[in-house]
Structures are given as structure tokens and as C-alpha cells.
Amino acid sequence: MLAECLILLFTQTGCSSCNVAKHYLERMSMPYRVVSIEENRELARMYGVWGSPTLVLTKGNAVISRYYGFNPEGVKDWYKEKCSS
């Protein structure tokens, strides 16, 4: 079910693609939370995040997938594929 998924959007200051990703997720009504890599370095390491934007898809408490970078159609397809199962 799509509603069970949550995207953690890992961002950094000055990342224009991060801002584009945030606005896209809002526009598409995809559930997400923004996580600053600079303010949450340990959390970023725990999730295997080294650059931005990185989208970490969670379902419940489990990480089910990661998406590095940002491409609107790619993110849309990735989200539907991973969350519809």
C-alpha cells in the first residue's frame, strides 16, 4: 500500500537538486521528511548516505530502497515500484 511508505530526503545547504526534489515530492503528494546531512551526519552514515540528494525509502521501520540524485520520472517510477508491493 502506498501510504505505508515514507521517503527520507537527505539534503545539504546549497543543493539546488535537493530543493527541486522537495518541491516535486510536495507536488506529487509523496510522504517525505527532509533530513539535513550537515546536521545529522551520524544518521546519514547509518542510512548509507554520502551525497545529496539521496532519497531513502522506508516502509514501517525498514529501509526498502535508495535513490541517488534526482530525476522526476525516475523517482515516480521508483516510488510506485517499491511501494506498491
Protein backbone atom coordinates (compact mmCIF):
# COMPACT_ATOMS: atom_id res chain seq x y z
CA MET A 1 0.00 0.00 0.00
CA LEU A 2 1.44 3.37 -0.99
CA ALA A 3 0.52 5.17 2.23
CA GLU A 4 2.86 2.97 4.31
CA CYS A 5 5.99 4.30 2.61
CA LEU A 6 7.98 7.32 3.75
CA ILE A 7 10.81 8.98 1.84
CA LEU A 8 13.70 10.43 3.81
CA LEU A 9 15.12 13.19 1.61
CA PHE A 10 18.75 13.77 2.61
CA THR A 11 19.87 17.27 1.66
CA GLN A 12 22.75 19.72 2.07
CA THR A 13 22.98 23.51 2.06
CA GLY A 14 23.33 24.88 -1.46
CA CYS A 15 21.99 21.74 -3.17
CA SER A 16 19.67 23.03 -5.90
CA SER A 17 18.62 19.49 -6.87
CA CYS A 18 17.53 18.97 -3.25
CA ASN A 19 15.16 21.91 -3.49
CA VAL A 20 13.76 20.66 -6.78
CA ALA A 21 13.25 17.20 -5.23
CA LYS A 22 11.47 18.68 -2.20
CA HIS A 23 9.05 20.68 -4.35
CA TYR A 24 8.42 17.66 -6.59
CA LEU A 25 7.63 15.39 -3.63
CA GLU A 26 5.23 18.02 -2.28
CA ARG A 27 3.53 18.44 -5.66
CA MET A 28 3.16 14.68 -6.10
CA SER A 29 1.86 14.24 -2.51
CA MET A 30 4.53 11.67 -1.70
CA PRO A 31 5.09 11.34 2.05
CA TYR A 32 8.58 12.56 2.95
CA ARG A 33 10.77 14.12 5.62
CA VAL A 34 13.78 16.33 4.95
CA VAL A 35 16.99 15.33 6.73
CA SER A 36 19.97 17.69 6.68
CA ILE A 37 23.18 15.72 6.18
CA GLU A 38 25.15 18.53 7.83
CA GLU A 39 23.02 18.45 10.97
CA ASN A 40 22.57 14.65 11.06
CA ARG A 41 25.90 13.18 9.92
CA GLU A 42 25.59 10.04 12.01
CA LEU A 43 22.06 9.37 10.76
CA ALA A 44 23.24 9.89 7.18
CA ARG A 45 26.04 7.35 7.75
CA MET A 46 23.57 4.89 9.27
CA TYR A 47 21.46 5.10 6.11
CA GLY A 48 24.49 4.87 3.78
CA VAL A 49 24.11 8.44 2.54
CA TRP A 50 27.22 10.25 1.29
CA GLY A 51 25.83 12.81 -1.14
CA SER A 52 22.73 14.75 -1.92
CA PRO A 53 20.07 14.49 -2.84
CA THR A 54 19.63 10.94 -1.64
CA LEU A 55 16.15 9.53 -1.14
CA VAL A 56 15.81 6.65 1.29
CA LEU A 57 12.53 4.80 1.07
CA THR A 58 11.23 3.27 4.27
CA LYS A 59 8.26 1.05 4.97
CA GLY A 60 7.50 0.72 8.65
CA ASN A 61 10.93 0.74 10.26
CA ALA A 62 12.70 -0.95 7.35
CA VAL A 63 14.74 0.63 4.56
CA ILE A 64 13.49 -0.85 1.31
CA SER A 65 15.44 1.17 -1.26
CA ARG A 66 17.67 4.17 -2.01
CA TYR A 67 17.62 6.60 -4.94
CA TYR A 68 20.72 8.70 -5.58
CA GLY A 69 20.35 12.04 -7.34
CA PHE A 70 17.07 13.31 -8.68
CA ASN A 71 15.10 12.62 -11.84
CA PRO A 72 11.33 13.26 -11.62
CA GLU A 73 10.21 10.34 -13.77
CA GLY A 74 12.77 8.04 -12.20
CA VAL A 75 11.64 8.91 -8.67
CA LYS A 76 7.97 8.48 -9.60
CA ASP A 77 8.60 5.03 -11.11
CA TRP A 78 10.91 4.02 -8.22
CA TYR A 79 8.31 5.01 -5.63
CA LYS A 80 5.46 3.20 -7.37
CA GLU A 81 7.52 0.05 -7.94
CA LYS A 82 8.84 -0.19 -4.40
CA CYS A 83 5.71 0.85 -2.51
CA SER A 84 3.03 -1.00 -4.39
CA SER A 85 4.23 -4.43 -3.31
